[in-house]
């Protein structure tokens, strides 16, 4: 009898865990895989929240623009920022003084702020300047909740697996706003639907 109760509990628990993983995580067309030094991080992109931003990210991924791009600004307990395809490629044209100021050759995007989603651990958001309509290619992954970002920065995805690998990205100097010397990088970035 105890075994039956335990089995029933496990079935309910499995259902709850499955229900907590968003349905969009299974869509290979909107699943981005970032290979880091320690393995792969899988991100469910959110075209339901930010269709223009997600389309631009996917275009850059498919161009190979994010491959070898540095995590140039990493603040422990806050976030890891990457995606400067102009100045951040560590194999071609890396510029330590300019990284973080560039974007891509694609146009900047109009804000797609969400009030229904919140900045918490594993959320992926778009970096921008003071202008709300200036996001381009840079994005950041949250280490922890940051309610002041809610409704101020476009949310483009959520880490589904590999957050423990994001935790191991080399942190920057807090006195230098998280600037990282000899930064870690995204070795390869792909969309799951495109295969390896």
Protein backbone atom coordinates (compact mmCIF):
# COMPACT_ATOMS: atom_id res chain seq x y z
CA UNK A 1 0.00 0.00 0.00
CA UNK A 2 2.84 2.40 0.87
CA UNK A 3 4.42 1.63 -2.50
CA UNK A 4 1.19 2.59 -4.30
CA UNK A 5 1.04 5.90 -2.40
CA UNK A 6 4.68 6.62 -3.24
CA UNK A 7 4.08 5.79 -6.91
CA UNK A 8 1.03 8.09 -6.99
CA UNK A 9 3.03 10.87 -5.34
CA UNK A 10 5.83 10.50 -7.89
CA UNK A 11 3.36 10.65 -10.79
CA UNK A 12 1.85 13.87 -9.37
CA UNK A 13 5.32 15.31 -8.72
CA UNK A 14 6.44 14.50 -12.28
CA UNK A 15 3.33 16.22 -13.59
CA UNK A 16 4.06 19.34 -11.54
CA UNK A 17 7.68 19.47 -12.71
CA UNK A 18 6.63 19.02 -16.34
CA UNK A 19 3.95 21.69 -15.98
CA UNK A 20 6.52 24.15 -14.63
CA UNK A 21 8.66 23.88 -17.79
CA UNK A 22 7.14 26.24 -20.34
CA UNK A 23 5.71 24.67 -23.48
CA UNK A 24 7.80 26.95 -25.71
CA UNK A 25 10.97 25.21 -24.48
CA UNK A 26 10.29 22.27 -26.82
CA UNK A 27 10.14 24.32 -30.06
CA UNK A 28 13.46 23.68 -31.88
CA UNK A 29 12.90 26.75 -34.09
CA UNK A 30 12.98 28.90 -30.95
CA UNK A 31 15.61 27.05 -28.95
CA UNK A 32 19.08 28.59 -28.87
CA UNK A 33 22.04 26.49 -27.74
CA UNK A 34 25.17 28.26 -26.50
CA UNK A 35 28.30 26.14 -26.15
CA UNK A 36 30.46 27.38 -23.27
CA UNK A 37 33.83 26.07 -22.06
CA UNK A 38 32.02 23.63 -19.73
CA UNK A 39 29.15 22.53 -21.99
CA UNK A 40 25.86 23.63 -23.55
CA UNK A 41 23.31 26.11 -22.25
CA UNK A 42 19.84 25.74 -23.76
CA UNK A 43 17.66 28.83 -24.01
CA UNK A 44 13.98 28.89 -24.92
CA UNK A 45 13.51 32.03 -27.00
CA UNK A 46 10.27 33.96 -26.48
CA UNK A 47 8.81 35.23 -29.77
CA UNK A 48 5.50 35.50 -27.91
CA UNK A 49 7.04 38.34 -25.86
CA UNK A 50 9.51 39.90 -28.29
CA UNK A 51 9.06 38.73 -31.90
CA UNK A 52 11.36 41.37 -33.46
CA UNK A 53 14.17 40.81 -30.98
CA UNK A 54 13.96 37.01 -31.27
CA UNK A 55 13.98 37.23 -35.08
CA UNK A 56 17.13 39.39 -34.97
CA UNK A 57 18.88 37.06 -32.51
CA UNK A 58 18.07 34.04 -34.70
CA UNK A 59 19.36 35.87 -37.79
CA UNK A 60 22.64 36.67 -36.01
CA UNK A 61 22.94 33.08 -34.72
CA UNK A 62 22.43 31.70 -38.22
CA UNK A 63 25.09 34.10 -39.59
CA UNK A 64 27.54 32.73 -37.01
CA UNK A 65 27.89 36.25 -35.60
CA UNK A 66 27.76 35.14 -31.95
CA UNK A 67 30.46 32.45 -32.26
CA UNK A 68 33.54 33.32 -30.14
CA UNK A 69 31.93 36.46 -28.69
CA UNK A 70 33.07 37.40 -25.17
CA UNK A 71 31.08 37.70 -21.97
CA UNK A 72 32.53 41.17 -21.55
CA UNK A 73 30.52 42.32 -18.51
CA UNK A 74 29.78 39.83 -15.74
CA UNK A 75 28.60 40.89 -12.29
CA UNK A 76 28.29 38.16 -9.66
CA UNK A 77 24.80 37.95 -8.19
CA UNK A 78 23.42 40.00 -11.10
CA UNK A 79 24.06 39.01 -14.71
CA UNK A 80 26.46 37.95 -17.51
CA UNK A 81 26.41 40.13 -20.65
CA UNK A 82 27.59 39.14 -24.13
CA UNK A 83 26.64 39.59 -27.77
CA UNK A 84 28.78 42.52 -28.96
CA UNK A 85 29.42 41.05 -32.40
CA UNK A 86 31.29 44.17 -33.58
CA UNK A 87 33.98 44.36 -30.87
CA UNK A 88 33.57 41.14 -28.88
CA UNK A 89 34.76 38.35 -31.22
CA UNK A 90 37.76 36.87 -29.43
CA UNK A 91 39.09 35.24 -32.60
CA UNK A 92 38.58 38.18 -34.93
CA UNK A 93 38.69 41.86 -34.05
CA UNK A 94 38.33 41.73 -30.27
CA UNK A 95 38.75 45.22 -28.83
CA UNK A 96 39.02 45.31 -25.02
CA UNK A 97 38.46 49.08 -24.90
CA UNK A 98 35.38 49.10 -27.16
CA UNK A 99 33.69 45.80 -26.30
CA UNK A 100 30.23 46.50 -24.93
CA UNK A 101 29.72 49.59 -27.08
CA UNK A 102 29.00 47.79 -30.34
CA UNK A 103 26.15 45.90 -31.91
CA UNK A 104 25.74 44.42 -35.36
CA UNK A 105 25.17 45.71 -38.88
CA UNK A 106 21.44 45.07 -38.39
CA UNK A 107 19.20 47.95 -37.28
CA UNK A 108 18.45 48.73 -33.64
CA UNK A 109 15.09 47.45 -32.44
CA UNK A 110 12.01 49.13 -30.97
CA UNK A 111 11.42 48.13 -27.34
CA UNK A 112 9.21 45.10 -26.71
CA UNK A 113 8.91 45.42 -22.94
CA UNK A 114 6.79 42.91 -21.07
CA UNK A 115 4.76 43.43 -17.92
CA UNK A 116 3.72 39.79 -17.66
CA UNK A 117 7.25 38.38 -17.22
CA UNK A 118 9.85 39.33 -14.63
CA UNK A 119 13.62 39.44 -14.40
CA UNK A 120 14.59 36.42 -12.33
CA UNK A 121 17.35 33.80 -12.40
CA UNK A 122 17.79 32.36 -15.90
CA UNK A 123 15.92 35.11 -17.76
CA UNK A 124 17.63 36.40 -20.91
CA UNK A 125 17.22 40.10 -21.64
CA UNK A 126 18.42 42.51 -24.30
CA UNK A 127 21.06 45.10 -23.41
CA UNK A 128 20.51 48.66 -24.61
CA UNK A 129 21.73 52.21 -24.11
CA UNK A 130 19.64 54.94 -22.41
CA UNK A 131 17.38 54.93 -25.48
CA UNK A 132 14.70 52.24 -24.95
CA UNK A 133 14.75 51.57 -28.71
CA UNK A 134 18.48 50.84 -28.97
CA UNK A 135 18.76 47.06 -28.41
CA UNK A 136 20.64 45.37 -31.23
CA UNK A 137 22.71 42.23 -30.59
CA UNK A 138 23.86 42.28 -26.97
CA UNK A 139 22.03 40.26 -24.35
CA UNK A 140 22.45 39.20 -20.75
CA UNK A 141 21.58 36.18 -18.62
CA UNK A 142 20.38 36.80 -15.08
CA UNK A 143 22.11 35.12 -12.11
CA UNK A 144 19.42 36.38 -9.71
CA UNK A 145 16.15 38.35 -9.66
CA UNK A 146 16.34 42.07 -10.48
CA UNK A 147 12.86 43.65 -10.23
CA UNK A 148 14.10 47.13 -11.26
CA UNK A 149 14.69 45.74 -14.78
CA UNK A 150 11.04 44.67 -15.16
CA UNK A 151 9.35 46.63 -17.94
CA UNK A 152 12.63 48.45 -18.72
CA UNK A 153 14.49 45.85 -20.81
CA UNK A 154 13.11 43.42 -23.39
CA UNK A 155 12.94 39.78 -22.27
CA UNK A 156 13.87 37.40 -25.10
CA UNK A 157 14.18 34.02 -23.42
CA UNK A 158 14.76 31.76 -20.44
CA UNK A 159 17.53 29.28 -19.69
CA UNK A 160 16.03 25.77 -19.78
CA UNK A 161 19.17 23.75 -19.05
CA UNK A 162 22.77 24.61 -18.20
CA UNK A 163 22.27 27.45 -15.75
CA UNK A 164 24.95 25.89 -13.55
CA UNK A 165 27.35 26.47 -16.48
CA UNK A 166 26.33 30.12 -16.69
CA UNK A 167 27.20 30.37 -12.99
CA UNK A 168 30.80 29.39 -13.87
CA UNK A 169 31.34 32.22 -16.39
CA UNK A 170 34.33 34.31 -15.31
CA UNK A 171 33.19 37.30 -13.23
CA UNK A 172 34.38 40.83 -13.79
CA UNK A 173 35.64 43.56 -11.51
CA UNK A 174 32.69 45.10 -9.65
CA UNK A 175 34.65 48.35 -9.25
CA UNK A 176 34.85 48.46 -13.07
CA UNK A 177 31.11 47.77 -13.59
CA UNK A 178 31.74 44.09 -14.20
CA UNK A 179 34.39 44.49 -16.91
CA UNK A 180 36.14 41.16 -17.43
CA UNK A 181 39.81 40.86 -18.29
CA UNK A 182 40.55 37.72 -20.34
CA UNK A 183 36.80 36.92 -20.55
CA UNK A 184 35.03 33.65 -21.23
CA UNK A 185 33.20 33.41 -24.55
CA UNK A 186 30.36 31.76 -26.39
CA UNK A 187 32.31 29.15 -28.34
CA UNK A 188 29.42 28.33 -30.68
CA UNK A 189 25.77 29.38 -30.84
CA UNK A 190 23.10 27.60 -32.85
CA UNK A 191 19.37 27.18 -33.22
CA UNK A 192 18.30 23.62 -32.31
CA UNK A 193 16.24 23.20 -35.50
CA UNK A 194 19.41 23.68 -37.58
CA UNK A 195 21.13 20.61 -36.10
CA UNK A 196 24.76 20.54 -35.01
